[in-house]
Amino acid sequence: MVVLQCLILTMAYENAYNGNPFRTHGSDRRVWLTSSFRVELIKDGIEKAGSINRLARELGYRSRIHPGWSIRQILVGAQPFPYEKLVKLSDFVGFSLEDVLQNRTEPERITVDNTNEALRMHGLWCYHIARMRLR
């Protein structure tokens, strides 16, 4: 049942954002979320899984060295969510995919200040992004 719902939502997403339901590459397969929502979503996933590494394994990342690295990069806004991982995460934490996709944004709107504020607000200050100092 869940697989069927994911398939239906995937097709709806493809039709809404691509116009071509069979396209499987390109920037439309990568989803940028607003800082506050992205941090909240990942925090909920970490709390449910028990750690960032366990969350990464739940989403299908298989690195032996540091499976949570991709999740950390997404958390701090360094890279977008791959659409398939976002579907798994929304299902894992119990958010509807439509609600998650309403928080899409453009990559230019992801800033260090917004991300750091969201990290502080959700108690994940340990992932604070240090700024480069220009002399």
C-alpha atoms as a PDB file:
ATOM      1  CA  MET A   1       0.000   0.000   0.000  1.00  0.00           C
ATOM      2  CA  VAL A   2       2.784   2.437   0.949  1.00  0.00           C
ATOM      3  CA  VAL A   3       4.687   1.579  -2.236  1.00  0.00           C
ATOM      4  CA  LEU A   4       1.606   2.309  -4.311  1.00  0.00           C
ATOM      5  CA  GLN A   5       1.114   5.653  -2.548  1.00  0.00           C
ATOM      6  CA  CYS A   6       4.775   6.544  -3.170  1.00  0.00           C
ATOM      7  CA  LEU A   7       4.402   5.618  -6.841  1.00  0.00           C
ATOM      8  CA  ILE A   8       1.274   7.752  -7.185  1.00  0.00           C
ATOM      9  CA  LEU A   9       2.934  10.691  -5.428  1.00  0.00           C
ATOM     10  CA  THR A  10       6.046  10.275  -7.553  1.00  0.00           C
ATOM     11  CA  MET A  11       3.977  10.408 -10.727  1.00  0.00           C
ATOM     12  CA  ALA A  12       2.104  13.463  -9.425  1.00  0.00           C
ATOM     13  CA  TYR A  13       5.428  15.119  -8.590  1.00  0.00           C
ATOM     14  CA  GLU A  14       6.831  14.323 -12.023  1.00  0.00           C
ATOM     15  CA  ASN A  15       3.762  15.707 -13.776  1.00  0.00           C
ATOM     16  CA  ALA A  16       3.697  18.833 -11.639  1.00  0.00           C
ATOM     17  CA  TYR A  17       7.380  19.712 -11.902  1.00  0.00           C
ATOM     18  CA  ASN A  18       8.672  18.131 -15.126  1.00  0.00           C
ATOM     19  CA  GLY A  19       5.780  17.694 -17.432  1.00  0.00           C
ATOM     20  CA  ASN A  20       7.363  14.332 -18.278  1.00  0.00           C
ATOM     21  CA  PRO A  21       6.622  11.467 -15.869  1.00  0.00           C
ATOM     22  CA  PHE A  22       9.380   9.278 -17.309  1.00  0.00           C
ATOM     23  CA  ARG A  23      12.289  11.680 -16.902  1.00  0.00           C
ATOM     24  CA  THR A  24      14.720  10.327 -14.310  1.00  0.00           C
ATOM     25  CA  HIS A  25      17.610  12.766 -14.395  1.00  0.00           C
ATOM     26  CA  GLY A  26      18.316  16.454 -14.079  1.00  0.00           C
ATOM     27  CA  SER A  27      17.839  19.066 -11.410  1.00  0.00           C
ATOM     28  CA  ASP A  28      14.146  18.189 -10.966  1.00  0.00           C
ATOM     29  CA  ARG A  29      15.244  15.012  -9.168  1.00  0.00           C
ATOM     30  CA  ARG A  30      16.995  17.121  -6.530  1.00  0.00           C
ATOM     31  CA  VAL A  31      14.903  19.034  -4.017  1.00  0.00           C
ATOM     32  CA  TRP A  32      16.051  22.063  -2.036  1.00  0.00           C
ATOM     33  CA  LEU A  33      13.995  22.739   1.111  1.00  0.00           C
ATOM     34  CA  THR A  34      13.801  25.872   3.231  1.00  0.00           C
ATOM     35  CA  SER A  35      16.337  25.892   6.052  1.00  0.00           C
ATOM     36  CA  SER A  36      13.916  25.758   8.969  1.00  0.00           C
ATOM     37  CA  PHE A  37      11.833  22.935   7.506  1.00  0.00           C
ATOM     38  CA  ARG A  38      14.871  20.967   6.298  1.00  0.00           C
ATOM     39  CA  VAL A  39      16.502  21.069   9.732  1.00  0.00           C
ATOM     40  CA  GLU A  40      13.234  20.134  11.473  1.00  0.00           C
ATOM     41  CA  LEU A  41      12.634  17.203   9.115  1.00  0.00           C
ATOM     42  CA  ILE A  42      16.146  15.815   9.541  1.00  0.00           C
ATOM     43  CA  LYS A  43      16.064  16.372  13.305  1.00  0.00           C
ATOM     44  CA  ASP A  44      12.846  14.334  13.522  1.00  0.00           C
ATOM     45  CA  GLY A  45      14.500  11.621  11.446  1.00  0.00           C
ATOM     46  CA  ILE A  46      17.601  11.577  13.670  1.00  0.00           C
ATOM     47  CA  GLU A  47      15.459  11.347  16.803  1.00  0.00           C
ATOM     48  CA  LYS A  48      13.417   8.483  15.394  1.00  0.00           C
ATOM     49  CA  ALA A  49      16.429   6.570  14.030  1.00  0.00           C
ATOM     50  CA  GLY A  50      18.656   7.218  17.045  1.00  0.00           C
ATOM     51  CA  SER A  51      21.616   8.780  15.222  1.00  0.00           C
ATOM     52  CA  ILE A  52      22.528  10.488  11.994  1.00  0.00           C
ATOM     53  CA  ASN A  53      24.338   7.343  10.788  1.00  0.00           C
ATOM     54  CA  ARG A  54      21.304   5.153  11.475  1.00  0.00           C
ATOM     55  CA  LEU A  55      19.069   7.647   9.686  1.00  0.00           C
ATOM     56  CA  ALA A  56      21.372   7.536   6.674  1.00  0.00           C
ATOM     57  CA  ARG A  57      21.189   3.748   6.618  1.00  0.00           C
ATOM     58  CA  GLU A  58      17.377   3.907   6.841  1.00  0.00           C
ATOM     59  CA  LEU A  59      17.407   6.128   3.754  1.00  0.00           C
ATOM     60  CA  GLY A  60      19.678   3.780   1.838  1.00  0.00           C
ATOM     61  CA  TYR A  61      23.131   5.328   2.203  1.00  0.00           C
ATOM     62  CA  ARG A  62      25.695   2.531   2.551  1.00  0.00           C
ATOM     63  CA  SER A  63      29.097   4.105   3.193  1.00  0.00           C
ATOM     64  CA  ARG A  64      31.123   2.073   5.692  1.00  0.00           C
ATOM     65  CA  ILE A  65      33.228   5.032   6.743  1.00  0.00           C
ATOM     66  CA  HIS A  66      30.538   7.650   7.385  1.00  0.00           C
ATOM     67  CA  PRO A  67      27.021   6.861   6.138  1.00  0.00           C
ATOM     68  CA  GLY A  68      25.711  10.074   7.688  1.00  0.00           C
ATOM     69  CA  TRP A  69      27.939  12.366   5.635  1.00  0.00           C
ATOM     70  CA  SER A  70      25.342  12.960   2.914  1.00  0.00           C
ATOM     71  CA  ILE A  71      22.665  13.650   5.542  1.00  0.00           C
ATOM     72  CA  ARG A  72      24.997  16.138   7.225  1.00  0.00           C
ATOM     73  CA  GLN A  73      25.638  17.877   3.892  1.00  0.00           C
ATOM     74  CA  ILE A  74      21.891  18.123   3.258  1.00  0.00           C
ATOM     75  CA  LEU A  75      21.310  19.328   6.838  1.00  0.00           C
ATOM     76  CA  VAL A  76      23.689  22.277   6.465  1.00  0.00           C
ATOM     77  CA  GLY A  77      22.373  23.147   2.999  1.00  0.00           C
ATOM     78  CA  ALA A  78      25.479  22.127   1.061  1.00  0.00           C
ATOM     79  CA  GLN A  79      23.499  19.816  -1.229  1.00  0.00           C
ATOM     80  CA  PRO A  80      19.837  19.130  -2.043  1.00  0.00           C
ATOM     81  CA  PHE A  81      17.800  16.056  -1.213  1.00  0.00           C
ATOM     82  CA  PRO A  82      17.739  13.405  -3.904  1.00  0.00           C
ATOM     83  CA  TYR A  83      14.020  12.981  -4.561  1.00  0.00           C
ATOM     84  CA  GLU A  84      14.000   9.245  -3.748  1.00  0.00           C
ATOM     85  CA  LYS A  85      15.687   9.852  -0.363  1.00  0.00           C
ATOM     86  CA  LEU A  86      13.209  12.624   0.408  1.00  0.00           C
ATOM     87  CA  VAL A  87      10.311  10.242  -0.270  1.00  0.00           C
ATOM     88  CA  LYS A  88      11.852   7.695   2.123  1.00  0.00           C
ATOM     89  CA  LEU A  89      12.520  10.328   4.811  1.00  0.00           C
ATOM     90  CA  SER A  90       9.013  11.797   4.639  1.00  0.00           C
ATOM     91  CA  ASP A  91       7.551   8.306   4.972  1.00  0.00           C
ATOM     92  CA  PHE A  92       9.985   7.445   7.805  1.00  0.00           C
ATOM     93  CA  VAL A  93       9.088  10.497   9.917  1.00  0.00           C
ATOM     94  CA  GLY A  94       5.401  10.514   8.985  1.00  0.00           C
ATOM     95  CA  PHE A  95       5.153  13.747   6.968  1.00  0.00           C
ATOM     96  CA  SER A  96       3.060  13.734   3.833  1.00  0.00           C
ATOM     97  CA  LEU A  97       5.120  14.250   0.699  1.00  0.00           C
ATOM     98  CA  GLU A  98       2.826  17.068  -0.449  1.00  0.00           C
ATOM     99  CA  ASP A  99       3.530  19.010   2.769  1.00  0.00           C
ATOM    100  CA  VAL A 100       7.250  18.451   2.338  1.00  0.00           C
ATOM    101  CA  LEU A 101       7.226  19.629  -1.282  1.00  0.00           C
ATOM    102  CA  GLN A 102       5.388  22.814  -0.276  1.00  0.00           C
ATOM    103  CA  ASN A 103       8.623  23.825   1.453  1.00  0.00           C
ATOM    104  CA  ARG A 104      10.699  23.714  -1.741  1.00  0.00           C
ATOM    105  CA  THR A 105      12.942  26.649  -2.429  1.00  0.00           C
ATOM    106  CA  GLU A 106      15.625  27.800  -4.825  1.00  0.00           C
ATOM    107  CA  PRO A 107      19.269  27.015  -3.988  1.00  0.00           C
ATOM    108  CA  GLU A 108      20.111  30.733  -4.023  1.00  0.00           C
ATOM    109  CA  ARG A 109      17.805  31.239  -1.028  1.00  0.00           C
ATOM    110  CA  ILE A 110      19.763  28.836   1.185  1.00  0.00           C
ATOM    111  CA  THR A 111      22.082  31.043   3.237  1.00  0.00           C
ATOM    112  CA  VAL A 112      24.543  30.415   6.035  1.00  0.00           C
ATOM    113  CA  ASP A 113      22.611  32.772   8.331  1.00  0.00           C
ATOM    114  CA  ASN A 114      19.262  31.050   7.746  1.00  0.00           C
ATOM    115  CA  THR A 115      20.782  27.604   8.154  1.00  0.00           C
ATOM    116  CA  ASN A 116      22.659  28.497  11.344  1.00  0.00           C
ATOM    117  CA  GLU A 117      19.537  30.085  12.826  1.00  0.00           C
ATOM    118  CA  ALA A 118      17.505  26.952  12.043  1.00  0.00           C
ATOM    119  CA  LEU A 119      20.225  24.713  13.530  1.00  0.00           C
ATOM    120  CA  ARG A 120      20.256  26.789  16.731  1.00  0.00           C
ATOM    121  CA  MET A 121      16.457  26.891  16.904  1.00  0.00           C
ATOM    122  CA  HIS A 122      16.200  23.092  16.680  1.00  0.00           C
ATOM    123  CA  GLY A 123      19.069  22.352  19.068  1.00  0.00           C
ATOM    124  CA  LEU A 124      21.510  21.136  16.418  1.00  0.00           C
ATOM    125  CA  TRP A 125      24.100  23.859  17.016  1.00  0.00           C
ATOM    126  CA  CYS A 126      26.834  21.203  16.792  1.00  0.00           C
ATOM    127  CA  TYR A 127      26.421  21.382  12.984  1.00  0.00           C
ATOM    128  CA  HIS A 128      26.980  25.159  12.919  1.00  0.00           C
ATOM    129  CA  ILE A 129      28.556  26.410   9.686  1.00  0.00           C
ATOM    130  CA  ALA A 130      31.712  28.428  10.304  1.00  0.00           C
ATOM    131  CA  ARG A 131      32.134  31.463   8.093  1.00  0.00           C
ATOM    132  CA  MET A 132      35.309  32.198   6.252  1.00  0.00           C
ATOM    133  CA  ARG A 133      37.017  35.367   7.398  1.00  0.00           C
ATOM    134  CA  LEU A 134      38.284  37.586   4.647  1.00  0.00           C
ATOM    135  CA  ARG A 135      41.213  39.820   5.493  1.00  0.00           C
END
